[in-house]
Each structure stands twice: as structure tokens, then as C-alpha cells.
Amino acid sequence: MLKQHQLIQPWSIELKQDTLGGQSKNRKIEGLFRIDELAFNKLDAQALYRVQQAALPKTETGEIDMSFLADDTMISFESL
């Protein structure tokens, strides 16, 4: 669905790493993709609805799967 509406675009990023000698070097990360915000904002209401419906988790019977709401697992970023 994202490809159909041309919403996916390649995304490379550069990370700046400090080396042991106090200098820094850049590391290029490739193979990532992101949503094209301009293309997303241009979607008409029907296309936006179809994209949202395709992104929702579904059960085997095709119903929207809301079981993730019952999960009491916590995500913690304290160790980062």
C-alpha cells in the first residue's frame, strides 16, 4: 500500500562517532526507508483511509486486532 501510493523513500543517515584519539569519523547507514511526508500530506481522504486500514493489525478473520491494548508490558529506555 505504501509503495502503491509512492509513500516510501530511501533514507540514509550519517552518524558521527568519536574515536579513541578524540577525533570523530562519520559512519553512513544505508538500507533504511521512511515515509515521504510531502506525498503523505497530499493523499486524498479515500487513499488515506486505505493506507490506514492496511496498516492496522488484523486477526485471521479480518477483524482489527486490538489485543495489543491488553498487553501490560512496559517499554523502558532507561538503559540507553
N, C-alpha and C. Protein backbone atom coordinates (compact mmCIF):
# COMPACT_ATOMS: atom_id res chain seq x y z
N MET A 1 0.82 -1.18 0.00
CA MET A 1 0.00 0.00 0.00
C MET A 1 0.88 1.26 0.00
N LEU A 2 1.95 1.24 0.79
CA LEU A 2 2.84 2.40 0.84
C LEU A 2 3.51 2.63 -0.52
N LYS A 3 3.94 1.54 -1.14
CA LYS A 3 4.57 1.64 -2.46
C LYS A 3 3.56 2.10 -3.51
N GLN A 4 2.35 1.58 -3.43
CA GLN A 4 1.30 1.93 -4.38
C GLN A 4 1.04 3.44 -4.39
N HIS A 5 1.09 4.05 -3.23
CA HIS A 5 0.84 5.50 -3.12
C HIS A 5 2.14 6.31 -3.11
N GLN A 6 3.25 5.66 -3.45
CA GLN A 6 4.57 6.29 -3.53
C GLN A 6 4.92 7.05 -2.25
N LEU A 7 4.69 6.37 -1.12
CA LEU A 7 4.95 6.98 0.18
C LEU A 7 6.31 6.58 0.76
N ILE A 8 6.92 5.55 0.22
CA ILE A 8 8.20 5.04 0.73
C ILE A 8 9.35 5.71 -0.01
N GLN A 9 10.36 6.15 0.74
CA GLN A 9 11.54 6.70 0.10
C GLN A 9 12.79 6.21 0.84
N PRO A 10 13.89 5.99 0.10
CA PRO A 10 15.13 5.58 0.75
C PRO A 10 15.59 6.67 1.71
N TRP A 11 16.27 6.26 2.77
CA TRP A 11 16.72 7.21 3.79
C TRP A 11 18.07 6.76 4.32
N SER A 12 19.09 7.48 3.96
CA SER A 12 20.41 7.17 4.52
C SER A 12 20.73 8.23 5.57
N ILE A 13 21.41 7.81 6.61
CA ILE A 13 21.76 8.74 7.67
C ILE A 13 23.26 8.63 7.95
N GLU A 14 23.82 9.68 8.51
CA GLU A 14 25.22 9.67 8.90
C GLU A 14 25.32 9.85 10.40
N LEU A 15 26.06 8.95 11.02
CA LEU A 15 26.30 9.02 12.46
C LEU A 15 27.71 9.52 12.69
N LYS A 16 27.86 10.42 13.61
CA LYS A 16 29.18 10.93 13.96
C LYS A 16 29.67 10.13 15.16
N GLN A 17 30.83 9.49 15.00
CA GLN A 17 31.39 8.66 16.06
C GLN A 17 32.70 9.26 16.53
N ASP A 18 32.87 9.34 17.83
CA ASP A 18 34.13 9.77 18.40
C ASP A 18 35.06 8.56 18.50
N THR A 19 36.29 8.74 18.08
CA THR A 19 37.27 7.66 18.16
C THR A 19 38.08 7.81 19.44
N LEU A 20 38.89 6.81 19.74
CA LEU A 20 39.70 6.83 20.96
C LEU A 20 40.68 8.00 20.97
N GLY A 21 41.14 8.46 19.83
CA GLY A 21 42.08 9.57 19.76
C GLY A 21 41.43 10.94 19.89
N GLY A 22 40.15 10.98 20.15
CA GLY A 22 39.46 12.24 20.30
C GLY A 22 38.95 12.83 18.99
N GLN A 23 39.24 12.16 17.91
CA GLN A 23 38.74 12.63 16.62
C GLN A 23 37.38 12.00 16.36
N SER A 24 36.70 12.53 15.37
CA SER A 24 35.41 11.94 15.04
C SER A 24 35.43 11.47 13.59
N LYS A 25 34.66 10.45 13.32
CA LYS A 25 34.50 9.98 11.95
C LYS A 25 33.02 9.74 11.71
N ASN A 26 32.62 9.92 10.48
CA ASN A 26 31.22 9.73 10.11
C ASN A 26 31.01 8.32 9.60
N ARG A 27 29.89 7.77 9.96
CA ARG A 27 29.52 6.42 9.51
C ARG A 27 28.17 6.53 8.82
N LYS A 28 28.12 6.15 7.56
CA LYS A 28 26.89 6.23 6.77
C LYS A 28 26.10 4.94 6.93
N ILE A 29 24.83 5.06 7.28
CA ILE A 29 23.92 3.93 7.43
C ILE A 29 22.94 3.96 6.25
N GLU A 30 22.90 2.88 5.51
CA GLU A 30 22.00 2.80 4.35
C GLU A 30 21.07 1.61 4.50
N GLY A 31 20.09 1.53 3.63
CA GLY A 31 19.14 0.42 3.67
C GLY A 31 17.92 0.74 4.51
N LEU A 32 17.80 1.99 4.94
CA LEU A 32 16.63 2.43 5.71
C LEU A 32 15.63 3.09 4.78
N PHE A 33 14.39 3.09 5.18
CA PHE A 33 13.34 3.75 4.41
C PHE A 33 12.48 4.57 5.35
N ARG A 34 11.81 5.56 4.81
CA ARG A 34 10.91 6.39 5.60
C ARG A 34 9.71 6.78 4.75
N ILE A 35 8.71 7.32 5.43
CA ILE A 35 7.52 7.82 4.74
C ILE A 35 7.82 9.19 4.17
N ASP A 36 7.48 9.39 2.92
CA ASP A 36 7.63 10.70 2.28
C ASP A 36 6.51 11.59 2.81
N GLU A 37 6.87 12.51 3.68
CA GLU A 37 5.87 13.35 4.34
C GLU A 37 5.08 14.20 3.36
N LEU A 38 5.73 14.74 2.34
CA LEU A 38 5.03 15.56 1.35
C LEU A 38 3.99 14.73 0.59
N ALA A 39 4.38 13.52 0.18
CA ALA A 39 3.44 12.64 -0.53
C ALA A 39 2.29 12.22 0.39
N PHE A 40 2.61 11.95 1.67
CA PHE A 40 1.58 11.57 2.63
C PHE A 40 0.56 12.69 2.81
N ASN A 41 1.04 13.92 2.92
CA ASN A 41 0.14 15.06 3.12
C ASN A 41 -0.73 15.35 1.90
N LYS A 42 -0.33 14.84 0.74
CA LYS A 42 -1.11 15.06 -0.48
C LYS A 42 -2.19 13.99 -0.71
N LEU A 43 -2.21 12.95 0.13
CA LEU A 43 -3.21 11.89 -0.05
C LEU A 43 -4.61 12.44 0.14
N ASP A 44 -5.53 12.01 -0.73
CA ASP A 44 -6.92 12.39 -0.51
C ASP A 44 -7.50 11.51 0.60
N ALA A 45 -8.70 11.82 1.04
CA ALA A 45 -9.30 11.13 2.20
C ALA A 45 -9.44 9.63 1.96
N GLN A 46 -9.86 9.23 0.76
CA GLN A 46 -10.05 7.81 0.48
C GLN A 46 -8.72 7.05 0.50
N ALA A 47 -7.69 7.63 -0.10
CA ALA A 47 -6.38 6.98 -0.11
C ALA A 47 -5.82 6.88 1.30
N LEU A 48 -5.98 7.93 2.09
CA LEU A 48 -5.50 7.91 3.48
C LEU A 48 -6.21 6.82 4.27
N TYR A 49 -7.51 6.68 4.07
CA TYR A 49 -8.28 5.64 4.76
C TYR A 49 -7.76 4.25 4.38
N ARG A 50 -7.50 4.03 3.08
CA ARG A 50 -7.00 2.72 2.63
C ARG A 50 -5.62 2.41 3.23
N VAL A 51 -4.76 3.42 3.29
CA VAL A 51 -3.43 3.21 3.88
C VAL A 51 -3.56 2.89 5.35
N GLN A 52 -4.42 3.59 6.06
CA GLN A 52 -4.60 3.34 7.50
C GLN A 52 -5.17 1.95 7.73
N GLN A 53 -6.13 1.54 6.93
CA GLN A 53 -6.73 0.22 7.08
C GLN A 53 -5.72 -0.88 6.83
N ALA A 54 -4.84 -0.66 5.86
CA ALA A 54 -3.82 -1.67 5.55
C ALA A 54 -2.80 -1.78 6.68
N ALA A 55 -2.58 -0.70 7.43
CA ALA A 55 -1.57 -0.70 8.49
C ALA A 55 -2.07 -1.31 9.79
N LEU A 56 -3.38 -1.39 9.97
CA LEU A 56 -3.92 -1.92 11.21
C LEU A 56 -3.69 -3.42 11.33
N PRO A 57 -3.31 -3.90 12.52
CA PRO A 57 -3.16 -5.35 12.70
C PRO A 57 -4.52 -6.03 12.60
N LYS A 58 -4.55 -7.18 11.93
CA LYS A 58 -5.81 -7.89 11.72
C LYS A 58 -5.71 -9.31 12.27
N THR A 59 -6.85 -9.83 12.69
CA THR A 59 -6.93 -11.22 13.12
C THR A 59 -7.06 -12.10 11.88
N GLU A 60 -7.07 -13.42 12.08
CA GLU A 60 -7.21 -14.34 10.95
C GLU A 60 -8.54 -14.16 10.23
N THR A 61 -9.55 -13.67 10.93
CA THR A 61 -10.87 -13.48 10.31
C THR A 61 -11.01 -12.10 9.66
N GLY A 62 -9.95 -11.28 9.73
CA GLY A 62 -10.00 -9.98 9.09
C GLY A 62 -10.44 -8.84 9.99
N GLU A 63 -10.77 -9.15 11.24
CA GLU A 63 -11.16 -8.10 12.18
C GLU A 63 -9.92 -7.35 12.67
N ILE A 64 -10.11 -6.10 13.09
CA ILE A 64 -9.00 -5.35 13.66
C ILE A 64 -8.58 -5.99 14.98
N ASP A 65 -7.30 -6.31 15.10
CA ASP A 65 -6.77 -6.97 16.29
C ASP A 65 -6.38 -5.93 17.33
N MET A 66 -7.15 -5.86 18.40
CA MET A 66 -6.91 -4.89 19.47
C MET A 66 -6.27 -5.55 20.68
N SER A 67 -5.78 -6.78 20.54
CA SER A 67 -5.23 -7.50 21.69
C SER A 67 -4.01 -6.81 22.28
N PHE A 68 -3.31 -6.00 21.47
CA PHE A 68 -2.14 -5.32 22.00
C PHE A 68 -2.50 -4.34 23.11
N LEU A 69 -3.75 -3.91 23.17
CA LEU A 69 -4.18 -3.00 24.23
C LEU A 69 -4.20 -3.66 25.60
N ALA A 70 -4.33 -4.98 25.62
CA ALA A 70 -4.38 -5.71 26.89
C ALA A 70 -2.98 -6.06 27.40
N ASP A 71 -1.96 -5.81 26.59
CA ASP A 71 -0.59 -6.14 26.97
C ASP A 71 -0.09 -5.11 27.98
N ASP A 72 0.29 -5.57 29.16
CA ASP A 72 0.75 -4.64 30.19
C ASP A 72 2.28 -4.54 30.23
N THR A 73 2.94 -4.99 29.17
CA THR A 73 4.39 -4.90 29.09
C THR A 73 4.81 -3.44 28.98
N MET A 74 5.84 -3.07 29.70
CA MET A 74 6.33 -1.70 29.66
C MET A 74 7.60 -1.64 28.84
N ILE A 75 7.75 -0.57 28.09
CA ILE A 75 8.96 -0.32 27.34
C ILE A 75 9.77 0.70 28.12
N SER A 76 11.03 0.39 28.33
CA SER A 76 11.89 1.29 29.11
C SER A 76 13.11 1.69 28.28
N PHE A 77 13.42 2.97 28.30
CA PHE A 77 14.60 3.47 27.62
C PHE A 77 15.68 3.90 28.61
N GLU A 78 15.54 3.48 29.86
CA GLU A 78 16.47 3.90 30.90
C GLU A 78 17.89 3.41 30.66
N SER A 79 18.06 2.26 30.05
CA SER A 79 19.40 1.70 29.88
C SER A 79 20.11 2.25 28.66
N LEU A 80 19.49 3.11 27.90
CA LEU A 80 20.13 3.66 26.69
C LEU A 80 21.10 4.76 27.02
